[in-house]
PDB file of N, CA and C in Angstrom:
ATOM      1  N   MET A   1      86.979  85.544  63.393  1.00  0.00           N
ATOM      2  CA  MET A   1      87.912  85.545  64.858  1.00  0.00           C
ATOM      3  C   MET A   1      89.146  85.078  64.502  1.00  0.00           C
ATOM      4  N   ASP A   2      89.780  85.539  64.441  1.00  0.00           N
ATOM      5  CA  ASP A   2      91.383  85.457  64.269  1.00  0.00           C
ATOM      6  C   ASP A   2      91.990  84.556  65.206  1.00  0.00           C
ATOM      7  N   LYS A   3      92.660  83.072  64.399  1.00  0.00           N
ATOM      8  CA  LYS A   3      93.181  82.520  65.517  1.00  0.00           C
ATOM      9  C   LYS A   3      94.556  82.694  65.089  1.00  0.00           C
ATOM     10  N   LYS A   4      95.404  82.026  66.462  1.00  0.00           N
ATOM     11  CA  LYS A   4      97.056  81.762  66.193  1.00  0.00           C
ATOM     12  C   LYS A   4      97.247  80.771  65.816  1.00  0.00           C
ATOM     13  N   THR A   5      96.416  79.723  66.122  1.00  0.00           N
ATOM     14  CA  THR A   5      96.884  78.465  65.690  1.00  0.00           C
ATOM     15  C   THR A   5      95.318  77.432  65.323  1.00  0.00           C
ATOM     16  N   ASN A   6      95.453  76.163  65.479  1.00  0.00           N
ATOM     17  CA  ASN A   6      94.394  75.521  64.783  1.00  0.00           C
ATOM     18  C   ASN A   6      93.427  75.178  66.286  1.00  0.00           C
ATOM     19  N   PHE A   7      93.891  75.351  67.193  1.00  0.00           N
ATOM     20  CA  PHE A   7      93.531  75.160  68.715  1.00  0.00           C
ATOM     21  C   PHE A   7      92.008  76.660  68.387  1.00  0.00           C
ATOM     22  N   PRO A   8      90.664  75.638  69.339  1.00  0.00           N
ATOM     23  CA  PRO A   8      89.778  76.953  69.153  1.00  0.00           C
ATOM     24  C   PRO A   8      90.033  77.656  70.113  1.00  0.00           C
ATOM     25  N   ASP A   9      90.310  77.578  71.439  1.00  0.00           N
ATOM     26  CA  ASP A   9      90.502  78.382  72.641  1.00  0.00           C
ATOM     27  C   ASP A   9      91.916  79.472  72.511  1.00  0.00           C
ATOM     28  N   LEU A  10      92.610  79.842  71.631  1.00  0.00           N
ATOM     29  CA  LEU A  10      93.487  80.672  71.655  1.00  0.00           C
ATOM     30  C   LEU A  10      93.386  81.417  70.372  1.00  0.00           C
ATOM     31  N   GLU A  11      93.219  82.631  71.169  1.00  0.00           N
ATOM     32  CA  GLU A  11      92.792  83.664  70.023  1.00  0.00           C
ATOM     33  C   GLU A  11      94.372  84.641  70.056  1.00  0.00           C
ATOM     34  N   ILE A  12      93.783  85.479  69.042  1.00  0.00           N
ATOM     35  CA  ILE A  12      95.048  86.675  68.613  1.00  0.00           C
ATOM     36  C   ILE A  12      95.173  87.662  69.734  1.00  0.00           C
ATOM     37  N   LEU A  13      96.035  88.289  70.233  1.00  0.00           N
ATOM     38  CA  LEU A  13      95.795  89.043  71.533  1.00  0.00           C
ATOM     39  C   LEU A  13      95.727  90.797  70.626  1.00  0.00           C
ATOM     40  N   PRO A  14      94.931  91.446  72.373  1.00  0.00           N
ATOM     41  CA  PRO A  14      94.648  92.528  71.194  1.00  0.00           C
ATOM     42  C   PRO A  14      96.281  93.584  71.014  1.00  0.00           C
ATOM     43  N   PRO A  15      96.298  94.287  70.354  1.00  0.00           N
ATOM     44  CA  PRO A  15      97.611  95.182  69.942  1.00  0.00           C
ATOM     45  C   PRO A  15      98.267  95.810  71.464  1.00  0.00           C
ATOM     46  N   HIS A  16      99.460  95.452  71.451  1.00  0.00           N
ATOM     47  CA  HIS A  16      99.966  96.208  73.019  1.00  0.00           C
ATOM     48  C   HIS A  16     101.104  97.271  72.517  1.00  0.00           C
ATOM     49  N   ASN A  17     101.021  98.554  73.385  1.00  0.00           N
ATOM     50  CA  ASN A  17     101.516  99.395  73.150  1.00  0.00           C
ATOM     51  C   ASN A  17     102.459  99.599  74.095  1.00  0.00           C
ATOM     52  N   HIS A  18     103.607  99.299  73.506  1.00  0.00           N
ATOM     53  CA  HIS A  18     104.926  99.261  74.209  1.00  0.00           C
ATOM     54  C   HIS A  18     105.524 100.739  74.748  1.00  0.00           C
ATOM     55  N   PHE A  19     105.247 101.630  74.007  1.00  0.00           N
ATOM     56  CA  PHE A  19     105.740 103.044  74.494  1.00  0.00           C
ATOM     57  C   PHE A  19     104.579 103.636  75.646  1.00  0.00           C
ATOM     58  N   LYS A  20     103.308 103.284  75.621  1.00  0.00           N
ATOM     59  CA  LYS A  20     102.511 103.530  76.675  1.00  0.00           C
ATOM     60  C   LYS A  20     102.976 102.941  78.096  1.00  0.00           C
ATOM     61  N   HIS A  21     103.640 102.152  77.571  1.00  0.00           N
ATOM     62  CA  HIS A  21     104.007 101.370  78.920  1.00  0.00           C
ATOM     63  C   HIS A  21     105.509 101.682  79.898  1.00  0.00           C
ATOM     64  N   PHE A  22     106.110 102.242  78.556  1.00  0.00           N
ATOM     65  CA  PHE A  22     107.553 102.663  78.797  1.00  0.00           C
ATOM     66  C   PHE A  22     107.194 104.231  79.578  1.00  0.00           C
ATOM     67  N   LEU A  23     106.335 105.092  78.829  1.00  0.00           N
ATOM     68  CA  LEU A  23     106.072 106.316  79.550  1.00  0.00           C
ATOM     69  C   LEU A  23     105.580 106.226  81.366  1.00  0.00           C
ATOM     70  N   ASP A  24     104.700 105.381  81.316  1.00  0.00           N
ATOM     71  CA  ASP A  24     103.792 105.173  82.558  1.00  0.00           C
ATOM     72  C   ASP A  24     105.196 104.622  83.478  1.00  0.00           C
ATOM     73  N   TRP A  25     106.030 103.538  83.100  1.00  0.00           N
ATOM     74  CA  TRP A  25     107.312 103.121  84.028  1.00  0.00           C
ATOM     75  C   TRP A  25     108.142 104.620  84.701  1.00  0.00           C
ATOM     76  N   MET A  26     108.044 105.822  83.266  1.00  0.00           N
ATOM     77  CA  MET A  26     109.038 106.767  83.207  1.00  0.00           C
ATOM     78  C   MET A  26     108.593 107.815  84.461  1.00  0.00           C
ATOM     79  N   ILE A  27     107.286 107.914  84.471  1.00  0.00           N
ATOM     80  CA  ILE A  27     106.441 108.538  85.630  1.00  0.00           C
ATOM     81  C   ILE A  27     106.308 108.226  86.675  1.00  0.00           C
ATOM     82  N   SER A  28     106.368 106.946  86.905  1.00  0.00           N
ATOM     83  CA  SER A  28     106.381 106.448  88.319  1.00  0.00           C
ATOM     84  C   SER A  28     107.333 106.045  88.915  1.00  0.00           C
ATOM     85  N   LYS A  29     108.615 105.812  88.059  1.00  0.00           N
ATOM     86  CA  LYS A  29     109.766 105.648  88.810  1.00  0.00           C
ATOM     87  C   LYS A  29     110.354 106.362  89.735  1.00  0.00           C
ATOM     88  N   PRO A  30     110.254 108.130  89.367  1.00  0.00           N
ATOM     89  CA  PRO A  30     111.134 108.866  90.575  1.00  0.00           C
ATOM     90  C   PRO A  30     110.090 108.913  91.633  1.00  0.00           C
ATOM     91  N   ARG A  31     108.583 108.286  92.090  1.00  0.00           N
ATOM     92  CA  ARG A  31     107.822 108.413  92.649  1.00  0.00           C
ATOM     93  C   ARG A  31     108.304 107.110  93.704  1.00  0.00           C
ATOM     94  N   MET A  32     108.403 106.127  92.951  1.00  0.00           N
ATOM     95  CA  MET A  32     108.897 104.545  93.831  1.00  0.00           C
ATOM     96  C   MET A  32     110.140 104.831  94.498  1.00  0.00           C
ATOM     97  N   ILE A  33     111.417 105.652  93.758  1.00  0.00           N
ATOM     98  CA  ILE A  33     112.668 106.011  94.470  1.00  0.00           C
ATOM     99  C   ILE A  33     112.435 107.104  95.157  1.00  0.00           C
ATOM    100  N   ILE A  34     111.903 108.113  95.474  1.00  0.00           N
ATOM    101  CA  ILE A  34     111.054 108.975  96.953  1.00  0.00           C
ATOM    102  C   ILE A  34     110.762 108.073  97.529  1.00  0.00           C
ATOM    103  N   ARG A  35     109.585 107.414  97.434  1.00  0.00           N
ATOM    104  CA  ARG A  35     108.968 106.365  98.577  1.00  0.00           C
ATOM    105  C   ARG A  35     110.067 105.856  99.364  1.00  0.00           C
ATOM    106  N   ASP A  36     110.995 104.999  98.522  1.00  0.00           N
ATOM    107  CA  ASP A  36     111.683 104.067  99.121  1.00  0.00           C
ATOM    108  C   ASP A  36     112.872 104.798  99.922  1.00  0.00           C
ATOM    109  N   TYR A  37     113.390 105.879  99.400  1.00  0.00           N
ATOM    110  CA  TYR A  37     114.164 107.106 100.234  1.00  0.00           C
ATOM    111  C   TYR A  37     113.594 107.525 101.425  1.00  0.00           C
ATOM    112  N   VAL A  38     112.541 107.812 101.320  1.00  0.00           N
ATOM    113  CA  VAL A  38     111.553 108.052 102.495  1.00  0.00           C
ATOM    114  C   VAL A  38     111.826 106.994 103.526  1.00  0.00           C
ATOM    115  N   ILE A  39     111.248 105.862 103.301  1.00  0.00           N
ATOM    116  CA  ILE A  39     111.092 104.646 103.898  1.00  0.00           C
ATOM    117  C   ILE A  39     111.960 104.158 104.756  1.00  0.00           C
ATOM    118  N   LYS A  40     113.671 104.395 103.893  1.00  0.00           N
ATOM    119  CA  LYS A  40     114.303 103.839 104.617  1.00  0.00           C
ATOM    120  C   LYS A  40     115.110 104.928 105.675  1.00  0.00           C
ATOM    121  N   ASN A  41     114.968 106.654 105.135  1.00  0.00           N
ATOM    122  CA  ASN A  41     115.551 106.945 106.015  1.00  0.00           C
ATOM    123  C   ASN A  41     114.974 107.603 106.845  1.00  0.00           C
ATOM    124  N   PHE A  42     113.535 107.776 106.913  1.00  0.00           N
ATOM    125  CA  PHE A  42     112.369 108.775 107.883  1.00  0.00           C
ATOM    126  C   PHE A  42     111.548 107.606 108.495  1.00  0.00           C
ATOM    127  N   PRO A  43     111.880 106.540 109.215  1.00  0.00           N
ATOM    128  CA  PRO A  43     111.225 105.477 109.677  1.00  0.00           C
ATOM    129  C   PRO A  43     109.959 105.921 110.649  1.00  0.00           C
ATOM    130  N   ASP A  44     108.630 105.247 110.218  1.00  0.00           N
ATOM    131  CA  ASP A  44     107.615 106.279 111.518  1.00  0.00           C
ATOM    132  C   ASP A  44     107.809 105.622 112.819  1.00  0.00           C
ATOM    133  N   GLU A  45     107.796 106.489 113.681  1.00  0.00           N
ATOM    134  CA  GLU A  45     107.974 106.748 115.086  1.00  0.00           C
ATOM    135  C   GLU A  45     107.117 105.896 115.721  1.00  0.00           C
ATOM    136  N   ASN A  46     105.922 105.187 115.292  1.00  0.00           N
ATOM    137  CA  ASN A  46     104.901 104.683 115.759  1.00  0.00           C
ATOM    138  C   ASN A  46     105.416 103.201 115.729  1.00  0.00           C
ATOM    139  N   LEU A  47     105.913 102.991 114.229  1.00  0.00           N
ATOM    140  CA  LEU A  47     106.592 101.376 114.368  1.00  0.00           C
ATOM    141  C   LEU A  47     107.747 101.361 115.405  1.00  0.00           C
ATOM    142  N   GLU A  48     108.428 102.426 115.662  1.00  0.00           N
ATOM    143  CA  GLU A  48     109.633 101.856 116.291  1.00  0.00           C
ATOM    144  C   GLU A  48     109.219 101.796 117.811  1.00  0.00           C
ATOM    145  N   LEU A  49     108.102 102.380 118.202  1.00  0.00           N
ATOM    146  CA  LEU A  49     107.291 102.279 119.266  1.00  0.00           C
ATOM    147  C   LEU A  49     106.674 101.043 119.818  1.00  0.00           C
ATOM    148  N   GLU A  50     106.161 100.764 119.005  1.00  0.00           N
ATOM    149  CA  GLU A  50     105.515  99.276 118.787  1.00  0.00           C
ATOM    150  C   GLU A  50     106.822  98.287 118.889  1.00  0.00           C
ATOM    151  N   ILE A  51     108.016  98.193 118.247  1.00  0.00           N
ATOM    152  CA  ILE A  51     108.813  97.066 118.223  1.00  0.00           C
ATOM    153  C   ILE A  51     109.395  97.408 119.232  1.00  0.00           C
ATOM    154  N   LEU A  52     109.620  98.421 119.589  1.00  0.00           N
ATOM    155  CA  LEU A  52     110.091  98.268 121.580  1.00  0.00           C
ATOM    156  C   LEU A  52     109.114  97.912 122.451  1.00  0.00           C
ATOM    157  N   LYS A  53     107.814  98.207 122.433  1.00  0.00           N
ATOM    158  CA  LYS A  53     106.690  97.514 123.061  1.00  0.00           C
ATOM    159  C   LYS A  53     106.969  95.811 123.037  1.00  0.00           C
ATOM    160  N   LEU A  54     106.842  95.230 121.693  1.00  0.00           N
ATOM    161  CA  LEU A  54     107.176  93.995 121.818  1.00  0.00           C
ATOM    162  C   LEU A  54     108.229  93.580 122.163  1.00  0.00           C
ATOM    163  N   ASN A  55     109.588  93.948 122.248  1.00  0.00           N
ATOM    164  CA  ASN A  55     110.832  93.445 122.895  1.00  0.00           C
ATOM    165  C   ASN A  55     110.693  93.647 124.346  1.00  0.00           C
ATOM    166  N   LEU A  56     109.746  94.255 125.045  1.00  0.00           N
ATOM    167  CA  LEU A  56     109.566  94.485 126.590  1.00  0.00           C
ATOM    168  C   LEU A  56     108.939  93.608 126.537  1.00  0.00           C
ATOM    169  N   GLU A  57     107.954  93.208 125.708  1.00  0.00           N
ATOM    170  CA  GLU A  57     106.898  92.220 126.542  1.00  0.00           C
ATOM    171  C   GLU A  57     107.677  90.982 126.141  1.00  0.00           C
ATOM    172  N   LEU A  58     108.415  90.792 125.360  1.00  0.00           N
ATOM    173  CA  LEU A  58     109.365  89.408 125.102  1.00  0.00           C
ATOM    174  C   LEU A  58     110.293  89.192 126.415  1.00  0.00           C
ATOM    175  N   LYS A  59     110.835  90.622 126.975  1.00  0.00           N
ATOM    176  CA  LYS A  59     111.870  90.199 127.946  1.00  0.00           C
ATOM    177  C   LYS A  59     110.937  90.157 129.294  1.00  0.00           C
ATOM    178  N   GLU A  60     109.895  90.341 129.541  1.00  0.00           N
ATOM    179  CA  GLU A  60     108.805  90.158 130.741  1.00  0.00           C
ATOM    180  C   GLU A  60     108.571  88.946 130.683  1.00  0.00           C
ATOM    181  N   TYR A  61     108.518  88.319 129.418  1.00  0.00           N
ATOM    182  CA  TYR A  61     107.713  86.468 129.730  1.00  0.00           C
ATOM    183  C   TYR A  61     109.285  86.152 129.673  1.00  0.00           C
ATOM    184  N   GLU A  62     110.257  86.393 129.368  1.00  0.00           N
ATOM    185  CA  GLU A  62     111.738  85.841 129.693  1.00  0.00           C
ATOM    186  C   GLU A  62     112.187  85.523 130.992  1.00  0.00           C
ATOM    187  N   LEU A  63     111.798  87.095 131.723  1.00  0.00           N
ATOM    188  CA  LEU A  63     111.605  86.890 133.087  1.00  0.00           C
ATOM    189  C   LEU A  63     111.296  86.262 134.270  1.00  0.00           C
ATOM    190  N   THR A  64     109.627  86.076 133.776  1.00  0.00           N
ATOM    191  CA  THR A  64     108.623  84.858 134.280  1.00  0.00           C
ATOM    192  C   THR A  64     109.237  83.407 134.002  1.00  0.00           C
ATOM    193  N   VAL A  65     109.494  83.352 132.770  1.00  0.00           N
ATOM    194  CA  VAL A  65     110.009  81.769 132.761  1.00  0.00           C
ATOM    195  C   VAL A  65     111.400  81.275 133.770  1.00  0.00           C
ATOM    196  N   LEU A  66     112.408  82.274 133.815  1.00  0.00           N
ATOM    197  CA  LEU A  66     113.226  82.392 134.461  1.00  0.00           C
ATOM    198  C   LEU A  66     113.274  82.684 136.470  1.00  0.00           C
ATOM    199  N   LYS A  67     112.456  83.292 136.723  1.00  0.00           N
ATOM    200  CA  LYS A  67     111.860  83.027 137.744  1.00  0.00           C
ATOM    201  C   LYS A  67     111.032  82.012 138.552  1.00  0.00           C
ATOM    202  N   LYS A  68     110.261  81.118 137.136  1.00  0.00           N
ATOM    203  CA  LYS A  68     109.732  79.661 137.880  1.00  0.00           C
ATOM    204  C   LYS A  68     110.565  78.766 137.381  1.00  0.00           C
ATOM    205  N   GLU A  69     112.080  79.415 136.805  1.00  0.00           N
ATOM    206  CA  GLU A  69     113.256  77.976 136.901  1.00  0.00           C
ATOM    207  C   GLU A  69     113.762  78.244 137.972  1.00  0.00           C
ATOM    208  N   ILE A  70     114.068  79.220 138.822  1.00  0.00           N
ATOM    209  CA  ILE A  70     115.045  79.521 139.688  1.00  0.00           C
ATOM    210  C   ILE A  70     113.983  78.884 141.314  1.00  0.00           C
ATOM    211  N   GLN A  71     112.784  78.820 140.950  1.00  0.00           N
ATOM    212  CA  GLN A  71     111.816  78.573 142.305  1.00  0.00           C
ATOM    213  C   GLN A  71     111.760  77.148 142.389  1.00  0.00           C
ATOM    214  N   GLU A  72     111.626  76.100 140.514  1.00  0.00           N
ATOM    215  CA  GLU A  72     111.520  74.250 141.171  1.00  0.00           C
ATOM    216  C   GLU A  72     113.249  74.120 141.270  1.00  0.00           C
ATOM    217  N   LEU A  73     113.924  74.898 140.838  1.00  0.00           N
ATOM    218  CA  LEU A  73     115.611  74.665 141.602  1.00  0.00           C
ATOM    219  C   LEU A  73     115.616  74.697 142.671  1.00  0.00           C
ATOM    220  N   ARG A  74     115.432  75.651 143.602  1.00  0.00           N
ATOM    221  CA  ARG A  74     115.298  76.029 144.990  1.00  0.00           C
ATOM    222  C   ARG A  74     114.308  74.713 145.729  1.00  0.00           C
ATOM    223  N   LYS A  75     113.288  74.774 145.071  1.00  0.00           N
ATOM    224  CA  LYS A  75     112.617  73.510 145.780  1.00  0.00           C
ATOM    225  C   LYS A  75     113.231  72.291 145.428  1.00  0.00           C
ATOM    226  N   TYR A  76     113.843  71.947 144.751  1.00  0.00           N
ATOM    227  CA  TYR A  76     114.442  70.440 144.674  1.00  0.00           C
ATOM    228  C   TYR A  76     115.767  70.255 145.389  1.00  0.00           C
ATOM    229  N   SER A  77     116.532  71.700 145.218  1.00  0.00           N
ATOM    230  CA  SER A  77     117.381  71.824 146.306  1.00  0.00           C
ATOM    231  C   SER A  77     117.448  71.925 147.772  1.00  0.00           C
ATOM    232  N   ASN A  78     116.231  72.227 148.083  1.00  0.00           N
ATOM    233  CA  ASN A  78     115.507  72.154 149.532  1.00  0.00           C
ATOM    234  C   ASN A  78     115.185  70.328 149.966  1.00  0.00           C
ATOM    235  N   LEU A  79     114.601  69.752 148.973  1.00  0.00           N
ATOM    236  CA  LEU A  79     114.580  68.396 149.072  1.00  0.00           C
ATOM    237  C   LEU A  79     115.524  67.428 149.357  1.00  0.00           C
ATOM    238  N   LEU A  80     116.585  67.621 148.886  1.00  0.00           N
ATOM    239  CA  LEU A  80     117.840  66.953 148.707  1.00  0.00           C
ATOM    240  C   LEU A  80     118.505  67.792 150.346  1.00  0.00           C
TER     241      LEU A  80
END
């Protein structure tokens, strides 16, 4: 067993092929660029619909809170 140092737990790493990693990157880079372009310029309509639904729900909650505040203000104004 070849060691890098005198420490018993460190071993020499297996040979690394830089050219193979470069080719993998060259093959996958166009796919990443196309995927990013599609995600950016052609958003999913379902996602937009979900966002709109959530915004509507948030507005409804805000409306109910405001209605309750108005009721409390009316109640306190009648007491005075």
